[in-house]
C-alpha atoms as a PDB file:
ATOM      1  CA  UNK A   1     -50.228  -0.698  49.668  1.00  0.00           C
ATOM      2  CA  UNK A   2     -50.308  -3.706  47.340  1.00  0.00           C
ATOM      3  CA  UNK A   3     -53.616  -5.158  46.178  1.00  0.00           C
ATOM      4  CA  UNK A   4     -53.894  -8.607  44.595  1.00  0.00           C
ATOM      5  CA  UNK A   5     -56.200  -8.577  41.562  1.00  0.00           C
ATOM      6  CA  UNK A   6     -56.247 -12.317  40.903  1.00  0.00           C
ATOM      7  CA  UNK A   7     -54.031 -14.531  38.695  1.00  0.00           C
ATOM      8  CA  UNK A   8     -50.726 -12.588  38.502  1.00  0.00           C
ATOM      9  CA  UNK A   9     -52.111  -9.048  38.534  1.00  0.00           C
ATOM     10  CA  UNK A  10     -51.209  -6.501  41.205  1.00  0.00           C
ATOM     11  CA  UNK A  11     -52.010  -2.888  41.967  1.00  0.00           C
ATOM     12  CA  UNK A  12     -49.452  -0.866  43.953  1.00  0.00           C
ATOM     13  CA  UNK A  13     -50.220   2.554  45.383  1.00  0.00           C
ATOM     14  CA  UNK A  14     -46.975   4.308  46.254  1.00  0.00           C
ATOM     15  CA  UNK A  15     -47.117   8.005  47.164  1.00  0.00           C
ATOM     16  CA  UNK A  16     -48.307   9.783  43.999  1.00  0.00           C
ATOM     17  CA  UNK A  17     -47.850   6.705  41.795  1.00  0.00           C
ATOM     18  CA  UNK A  18     -50.397   4.011  41.029  1.00  0.00           C
ATOM     19  CA  UNK A  19     -48.881   0.951  39.362  1.00  0.00           C
ATOM     20  CA  UNK A  20     -50.485  -2.062  37.702  1.00  0.00           C
ATOM     21  CA  UNK A  21     -48.499  -5.231  37.076  1.00  0.00           C
ATOM     22  CA  UNK A  22     -49.799  -7.664  34.420  1.00  0.00           C
ATOM     23  CA  UNK A  23     -53.359  -6.208  34.459  1.00  0.00           C
ATOM     24  CA  UNK A  24     -55.414  -9.226  33.370  1.00  0.00           C
ATOM     25  CA  UNK A  25     -58.856  -7.973  34.469  1.00  0.00           C
ATOM     26  CA  UNK A  26     -61.388  -8.672  31.707  1.00  0.00           C
ATOM     27  CA  UNK A  27     -61.701 -12.448  31.405  1.00  0.00           C
ATOM     28  CA  UNK A  28     -60.142 -13.002  34.824  1.00  0.00           C
ATOM     29  CA  UNK A  29     -62.688 -15.119  36.728  1.00  0.00           C
ATOM     30  CA  UNK A  30     -61.403 -13.784  40.062  1.00  0.00           C
ATOM     31  CA  UNK A  31     -61.513 -10.092  39.179  1.00  0.00           C
ATOM     32  CA  UNK A  32     -63.539  -8.062  41.678  1.00  0.00           C
ATOM     33  CA  UNK A  33     -63.511  -4.847  39.621  1.00  0.00           C
ATOM     34  CA  UNK A  34     -63.638  -3.778  35.969  1.00  0.00           C
ATOM     35  CA  UNK A  35     -60.753  -2.467  33.912  1.00  0.00           C
ATOM     36  CA  UNK A  36     -62.418   0.961  33.866  1.00  0.00           C
ATOM     37  CA  UNK A  37     -62.073   1.109  37.651  1.00  0.00           C
ATOM     38  CA  UNK A  38     -58.274   1.421  37.446  1.00  0.00           C
ATOM     39  CA  UNK A  39     -56.394   4.624  36.679  1.00  0.00           C
ATOM     40  CA  UNK A  40     -52.685   3.810  36.935  1.00  0.00           C
ATOM     41  CA  UNK A  41     -49.778   6.121  36.285  1.00  0.00           C
ATOM     42  CA  UNK A  42     -47.604   3.142  35.249  1.00  0.00           C
ATOM     43  CA  UNK A  43     -48.211  -0.370  33.878  1.00  0.00           C
ATOM     44  CA  UNK A  44     -45.447  -2.982  34.167  1.00  0.00           C
ATOM     45  CA  UNK A  45     -45.637  -6.093  31.969  1.00  0.00           C
ATOM     46  CA  UNK A  46     -43.668  -9.293  32.500  1.00  0.00           C
ATOM     47  CA  UNK A  47     -44.366 -10.836  29.088  1.00  0.00           C
ATOM     48  CA  UNK A  48     -46.739 -10.777  26.114  1.00  0.00           C
ATOM     49  CA  UNK A  49     -49.235 -13.550  26.876  1.00  0.00           C
ATOM     50  CA  UNK A  50     -52.842 -12.434  26.976  1.00  0.00           C
ATOM     51  CA  UNK A  51     -53.355 -13.378  30.630  1.00  0.00           C
ATOM     52  CA  UNK A  52     -50.641 -10.860  31.551  1.00  0.00           C
ATOM     53  CA  UNK A  53     -50.987  -8.040  29.008  1.00  0.00           C
ATOM     54  CA  UNK A  54     -54.719  -8.257  29.669  1.00  0.00           C
ATOM     55  CA  UNK A  55     -56.357  -4.819  29.529  1.00  0.00           C
ATOM     56  CA  UNK A  56     -53.153  -2.827  29.081  1.00  0.00           C
ATOM     57  CA  UNK A  57     -54.183  -1.117  25.858  1.00  0.00           C
ATOM     58  CA  UNK A  58     -57.631  -0.058  27.037  1.00  0.00           C
ATOM     59  CA  UNK A  59     -56.396   1.184  30.419  1.00  0.00           C
ATOM     60  CA  UNK A  60     -53.326   3.015  29.101  1.00  0.00           C
ATOM     61  CA  UNK A  61     -55.250   4.575  26.206  1.00  0.00           C
ATOM     62  CA  UNK A  62     -57.793   5.989  28.667  1.00  0.00           C
ATOM     63  CA  UNK A  63     -55.370   7.108  31.371  1.00  0.00           C
ATOM     64  CA  UNK A  64     -52.147   7.897  29.531  1.00  0.00           C
ATOM     65  CA  UNK A  65     -50.280   5.454  31.790  1.00  0.00           C
ATOM     66  CA  UNK A  66     -46.643   4.761  30.959  1.00  0.00           C
ATOM     67  CA  UNK A  67     -46.245   1.151  29.776  1.00  0.00           C
ATOM     68  CA  UNK A  68     -42.956  -0.379  30.944  1.00  0.00           C
ATOM     69  CA  UNK A  69     -41.771  -3.679  29.511  1.00  0.00           C
ATOM     70  CA  UNK A  70     -39.201  -5.272  27.240  1.00  0.00           C
ATOM     71  CA  UNK A  71     -38.240  -3.702  23.909  1.00  0.00           C
ATOM     72  CA  UNK A  72     -40.652  -5.772  21.807  1.00  0.00           C
ATOM     73  CA  UNK A  73     -43.725  -5.267  24.006  1.00  0.00           C
ATOM     74  CA  UNK A  74     -43.004  -1.561  24.443  1.00  0.00           C
ATOM     75  CA  UNK A  75     -42.669  -1.064  20.681  1.00  0.00           C
ATOM     76  CA  UNK A  76     -45.862  -3.050  20.103  1.00  0.00           C
ATOM     77  CA  UNK A  77     -47.779  -0.581  22.256  1.00  0.00           C
ATOM     78  CA  UNK A  78     -45.912   2.464  20.920  1.00  0.00           C
ATOM     79  CA  UNK A  79     -47.245   1.543  17.480  1.00  0.00           C
ATOM     80  CA  UNK A  80     -50.728   1.773  19.001  1.00  0.00           C
ATOM     81  CA  UNK A  81     -50.083   5.267  20.303  1.00  0.00           C
ATOM     82  CA  UNK A  82     -49.345   4.496  23.949  1.00  0.00           C
ATOM     83  CA  UNK A  83     -46.650   6.049  26.128  1.00  0.00           C
ATOM     84  CA  UNK A  84     -43.841   3.553  26.625  1.00  0.00           C
ATOM     85  CA  UNK A  85     -40.548   2.953  28.388  1.00  0.00           C
ATOM     86  CA  UNK A  86     -38.602  -0.022  26.960  1.00  0.00           C
ATOM     87  CA  UNK A  87     -36.128  -1.927  29.141  1.00  0.00           C
ATOM     88  CA  UNK A  88     -34.030  -5.057  28.991  1.00  0.00           C
ATOM     89  CA  UNK A  89     -33.242  -7.946  31.306  1.00  0.00           C
ATOM     90  CA  UNK A  90     -30.537  -6.907  33.746  1.00  0.00           C
ATOM     91  CA  UNK A  91     -31.268  -3.226  33.243  1.00  0.00           C
ATOM     92  CA  UNK A  92     -32.700  -0.899  35.842  1.00  0.00           C
ATOM     93  CA  UNK A  93     -34.274   2.559  35.879  1.00  0.00           C
ATOM     94  CA  UNK A  94     -35.465   4.859  38.627  1.00  0.00           C
ATOM     95  CA  UNK A  95     -39.054   6.008  38.158  1.00  0.00           C
ATOM     96  CA  UNK A  96     -41.025   8.360  40.444  1.00  0.00           C
ATOM     97  CA  UNK A  97     -42.199   5.337  42.459  1.00  0.00           C
ATOM     98  CA  UNK A  98     -38.728   3.819  42.892  1.00  0.00           C
ATOM     99  CA  UNK A  99     -36.181   1.624  41.140  1.00  0.00           C
ATOM    100  CA  UNK A 100     -37.315  -1.072  38.698  1.00  0.00           C
ATOM    101  CA  UNK A 101     -35.153  -3.930  37.416  1.00  0.00           C
ATOM    102  CA  UNK A 102     -36.040  -6.842  35.155  1.00  0.00           C
ATOM    103  CA  UNK A 103     -34.691 -10.347  35.744  1.00  0.00           C
ATOM    104  CA  UNK A 104     -34.776 -13.492  33.607  1.00  0.00           C
ATOM    105  CA  UNK A 105     -37.824 -15.754  33.663  1.00  0.00           C
ATOM    106  CA  UNK A 106     -37.844 -19.178  32.028  1.00  0.00           C
ATOM    107  CA  UNK A 107     -41.040 -19.204  29.976  1.00  0.00           C
ATOM    108  CA  UNK A 108     -42.223 -18.115  26.525  1.00  0.00           C
ATOM    109  CA  UNK A 109     -43.641 -14.814  25.280  1.00  0.00           C
ATOM    110  CA  UNK A 110     -45.884 -14.157  22.294  1.00  0.00           C
ATOM    111  CA  UNK A 111     -48.835 -11.946  21.469  1.00  0.00           C
ATOM    112  CA  UNK A 112     -52.264 -13.383  20.743  1.00  0.00           C
ATOM    113  CA  UNK A 113     -51.534 -13.342  16.999  1.00  0.00           C
ATOM    114  CA  UNK A 114     -48.448 -15.497  17.574  1.00  0.00           C
ATOM    115  CA  UNK A 115     -45.902 -12.740  16.967  1.00  0.00           C
ATOM    116  CA  UNK A 116     -42.785 -12.618  19.118  1.00  0.00           C
ATOM    117  CA  UNK A 117     -43.129 -10.841  22.448  1.00  0.00           C
ATOM    118  CA  UNK A 118     -39.479 -10.666  23.461  1.00  0.00           C
ATOM    119  CA  UNK A 119     -37.935 -12.395  26.447  1.00  0.00           C
ATOM    120  CA  UNK A 120     -40.196 -13.068  29.450  1.00  0.00           C
ATOM    121  CA  UNK A 121     -39.096 -11.336  32.618  1.00  0.00           C
ATOM    122  CA  UNK A 122     -39.356 -11.180  36.373  1.00  0.00           C
ATOM    123  CA  UNK A 123     -39.736  -7.831  38.107  1.00  0.00           C
ATOM    124  CA  UNK A 124     -37.771  -6.379  41.028  1.00  0.00           C
ATOM    125  CA  UNK A 125     -39.026  -3.185  42.645  1.00  0.00           C
ATOM    126  CA  UNK A 126     -37.089  -1.193  45.223  1.00  0.00           C
ATOM    127  CA  UNK A 127     -39.646   1.079  46.848  1.00  0.00           C
ATOM    128  CA  UNK A 128     -39.531   3.000  50.112  1.00  0.00           C
ATOM    129  CA  UNK A 129     -36.598   0.936  51.358  1.00  0.00           C
ATOM    130  CA  UNK A 130     -38.327  -2.363  50.541  1.00  0.00           C
ATOM    131  CA  UNK A 131     -37.482  -4.900  47.835  1.00  0.00           C
ATOM    132  CA  UNK A 132     -40.291  -6.731  46.013  1.00  0.00           C
ATOM    133  CA  UNK A 133     -39.862  -9.588  43.535  1.00  0.00           C
ATOM    134  CA  UNK A 134     -42.641 -10.570  41.122  1.00  0.00           C
ATOM    135  CA  UNK A 135     -41.336 -13.657  39.359  1.00  0.00           C
ATOM    136  CA  UNK A 136     -43.696 -13.474  36.387  1.00  0.00           C
ATOM    137  CA  UNK A 137     -44.327 -16.798  34.687  1.00  0.00           C
ATOM    138  CA  UNK A 138     -41.246 -18.910  35.239  1.00  0.00           C
ATOM    139  CA  UNK A 139     -39.729 -22.280  35.914  1.00  0.00           C
ATOM    140  CA  UNK A 140     -37.354 -22.769  38.805  1.00  0.00           C
ATOM    141  CA  UNK A 141     -33.839 -21.627  37.879  1.00  0.00           C
ATOM    142  CA  UNK A 142     -30.648 -21.510  39.899  1.00  0.00           C
ATOM    143  CA  UNK A 143     -29.915 -17.821  39.233  1.00  0.00           C
ATOM    144  CA  UNK A 144     -32.696 -17.046  41.686  1.00  0.00           C
ATOM    145  CA  UNK A 145     -29.826 -17.326  44.166  1.00  0.00           C
ATOM    146  CA  UNK A 146     -28.458 -14.094  42.662  1.00  0.00           C
ATOM    147  CA  UNK A 147     -31.853 -12.382  42.859  1.00  0.00           C
ATOM    148  CA  UNK A 148     -32.042 -13.343  46.515  1.00  0.00           C
ATOM    149  CA  UNK A 149     -28.494 -12.173  47.273  1.00  0.00           C
ATOM    150  CA  UNK A 150     -30.011  -8.844  48.315  1.00  0.00           C
ATOM    151  CA  UNK A 151     -32.743  -9.108  50.918  1.00  0.00           C
ATOM    152  CA  UNK A 152     -36.251  -9.568  49.495  1.00  0.00           C
ATOM    153  CA  UNK A 153     -39.070  -8.289  51.665  1.00  0.00           C
ATOM    154  CA  UNK A 154     -41.937  -9.697  49.596  1.00  0.00           C
ATOM    155  CA  UNK A 155     -42.031 -12.213  46.740  1.00  0.00           C
ATOM    156  CA  UNK A 156     -44.858 -13.176  44.394  1.00  0.00           C
ATOM    157  CA  UNK A 157     -44.271 -16.676  42.979  1.00  0.00           C
ATOM    158  CA  UNK A 158     -46.338 -18.768  40.555  1.00  0.00           C
ATOM    159  CA  UNK A 159     -47.409 -22.172  41.880  1.00  0.00           C
ATOM    160  CA  UNK A 160     -49.871 -23.305  39.196  1.00  0.00           C
ATOM    161  CA  UNK A 161     -47.602 -25.899  37.557  1.00  0.00           C
ATOM    162  CA  UNK A 162     -48.079 -27.005  33.917  1.00  0.00           C
ATOM    163  CA  UNK A 163     -47.103 -23.594  32.426  1.00  0.00           C
ATOM    164  CA  UNK A 164     -44.879 -22.452  35.322  1.00  0.00           C
ATOM    165  CA  UNK A 165     -43.216 -23.995  38.331  1.00  0.00           C
ATOM    166  CA  UNK A 166     -45.522 -25.823  40.686  1.00  0.00           C
ATOM    167  CA  UNK A 167     -45.625 -25.713  44.455  1.00  0.00           C
ATOM    168  CA  UNK A 168     -42.646 -28.061  44.996  1.00  0.00           C
ATOM    169  CA  UNK A 169     -40.368 -26.035  42.723  1.00  0.00           C
ATOM    170  CA  UNK A 170     -41.711 -22.803  44.202  1.00  0.00           C
ATOM    171  CA  UNK A 171     -40.701 -24.138  47.621  1.00  0.00           C
ATOM    172  CA  UNK A 172     -37.200 -24.740  46.274  1.00  0.00           C
ATOM    173  CA  UNK A 173     -37.219 -21.222  44.818  1.00  0.00           C
ATOM    174  CA  UNK A 174     -37.833 -19.881  48.299  1.00  0.00           C
ATOM    175  CA  UNK A 175     -34.677 -21.594  49.500  1.00  0.00           C
ATOM    176  CA  UNK A 176     -32.797 -19.640  46.806  1.00  0.00           C
ATOM    177  CA  UNK A 177     -34.594 -16.322  47.310  1.00  0.00           C
ATOM    178  CA  UNK A 178     -35.065 -16.312  51.098  1.00  0.00           C
ATOM    179  CA  UNK A 179     -37.792 -13.639  51.114  1.00  0.00           C
ATOM    180  CA  UNK A 180     -39.373 -12.516  54.351  1.00  0.00           C
ATOM    181  CA  UNK A 181     -42.869 -13.035  52.918  1.00  0.00           C
ATOM    182  CA  UNK A 182     -44.267 -14.828  49.867  1.00  0.00           C
ATOM    183  CA  UNK A 183     -47.621 -14.666  48.106  1.00  0.00           C
ATOM    184  CA  UNK A 184     -48.552 -17.526  45.725  1.00  0.00           C
ATOM    185  CA  UNK A 185     -49.912 -16.401  42.341  1.00  0.00           C
ATOM    186  CA  UNK A 186     -50.853 -17.833  38.926  1.00  0.00           C
ATOM    187  CA  UNK A 187     -53.022 -20.737  40.114  1.00  0.00           C
ATOM    188  CA  UNK A 188     -56.686 -21.866  39.878  1.00  0.00           C
ATOM    189  CA  UNK A 189     -57.536 -19.389  37.107  1.00  0.00           C
ATOM    190  CA  UNK A 190     -57.820 -22.265  34.626  1.00  0.00           C
ATOM    191  CA  UNK A 191     -58.327 -26.005  35.069  1.00  0.00           C
ATOM    192  CA  UNK A 192     -54.751 -26.751  33.996  1.00  0.00           C
ATOM    193  CA  UNK A 193     -53.298 -24.763  36.895  1.00  0.00           C
ATOM    194  CA  UNK A 194     -55.474 -25.977  39.766  1.00  0.00           C
ATOM    195  CA  UNK A 195     -53.534 -25.943  43.044  1.00  0.00           C
ATOM    196  CA  UNK A 196     -54.210 -25.705  46.774  1.00  0.00           C
ATOM    197  CA  UNK A 197     -52.485 -22.531  48.031  1.00  0.00           C
ATOM    198  CA  UNK A 198     -53.059 -23.487  51.664  1.00  0.00           C
ATOM    199  CA  UNK A 199     -51.162 -26.726  51.172  1.00  0.00           C
ATOM    200  CA  UNK A 200     -48.342 -24.625  49.715  1.00  0.00           C
ATOM    201  CA  UNK A 201     -48.518 -22.323  52.745  1.00  0.00           C
ATOM    202  CA  UNK A 202     -48.162 -25.305  55.103  1.00  0.00           C
ATOM    203  CA  UNK A 203     -45.095 -26.551  53.224  1.00  0.00           C
ATOM    204  CA  UNK A 204     -43.504 -23.102  53.171  1.00  0.00           C
ATOM    205  CA  UNK A 205     -43.936 -22.434  56.861  1.00  0.00           C
ATOM    206  CA  UNK A 206     -42.878 -25.968  57.863  1.00  0.00           C
ATOM    207  CA  UNK A 207     -39.710 -25.941  55.753  1.00  0.00           C
ATOM    208  CA  UNK A 208     -38.518 -22.332  55.469  1.00  0.00           C
ATOM    209  CA  UNK A 209     -38.330 -19.171  57.548  1.00  0.00           C
ATOM    210  CA  UNK A 210     -40.596 -17.365  55.056  1.00  0.00           C
ATOM    211  CA  UNK A 211     -44.111 -16.326  56.005  1.00  0.00           C
ATOM    212  CA  UNK A 212     -46.675 -17.294  53.358  1.00  0.00           C
ATOM    213  CA  UNK A 213     -49.718 -15.094  52.742  1.00  0.00           C
ATOM    214  CA  UNK A 214     -52.587 -16.525  50.688  1.00  0.00           C
ATOM    215  CA  UNK A 215     -54.415 -13.582  49.148  1.00  0.00           C
ATOM    216  CA  UNK A 216     -57.834 -13.502  47.539  1.00  0.00           C
ATOM    217  CA  UNK A 217     -58.537 -11.076  44.710  1.00  0.00           C
ATOM    218  CA  UNK A 218     -59.201  -7.690  46.282  1.00  0.00           C
ATOM    219  CA  UNK A 219     -57.058  -8.357  49.363  1.00  0.00           C
ATOM    220  CA  UNK A 220     -54.360  -5.810  50.219  1.00  0.00           C
ATOM    221  CA  UNK A 221     -51.119  -5.885  52.198  1.00  0.00           C
ATOM    222  CA  UNK A 222     -48.720  -3.164  53.240  1.00  0.00           C
ATOM    223  CA  UNK A 223     -45.074  -3.014  52.253  1.00  0.00           C
END
């Protein structure tokens, strides 16, 4: 089960594992629960911006969750006493929930104090025979063709524009990735990223073979 938490945040419940991706809960205008309502075993972070790291420290401090991210973000949280697993772009590791790989993402990455947050990343999960791609915050880039070379069952792509690719570039990304299903993310949270996800859905289903699912915060889908 995958639950959309608004913005770019996801919760995945896989067997005995409970995973949060980019847990921006407090301050997220679409959040339907509080940070204290989540008890993950693992937290995966795409980059260091506050609307993606979100409540990582508070949640992981309370639950003991393993924080998985790039070397810089992992070390940042290790210095605060959290359990960490550092990784790099192109690397992979098999966790109890399945195999995790990080891909490039064309964006920036810094902590709220301006310090360097390492390279931003996309996330590929291979779980229960399914392949999931969370693009993180990114521009369109041609190496998405390589990410899509293996079948993708479900993709989460930003469409907000301004800070990431917009709906037109996300549509082009789908031609590279060829996922079976796509969920638009990272839109409407702030004025600068206002978009119509249903217009994106119409474009996707008129121009590709991908099924587009518009999710509201709190909605869930099965793998």
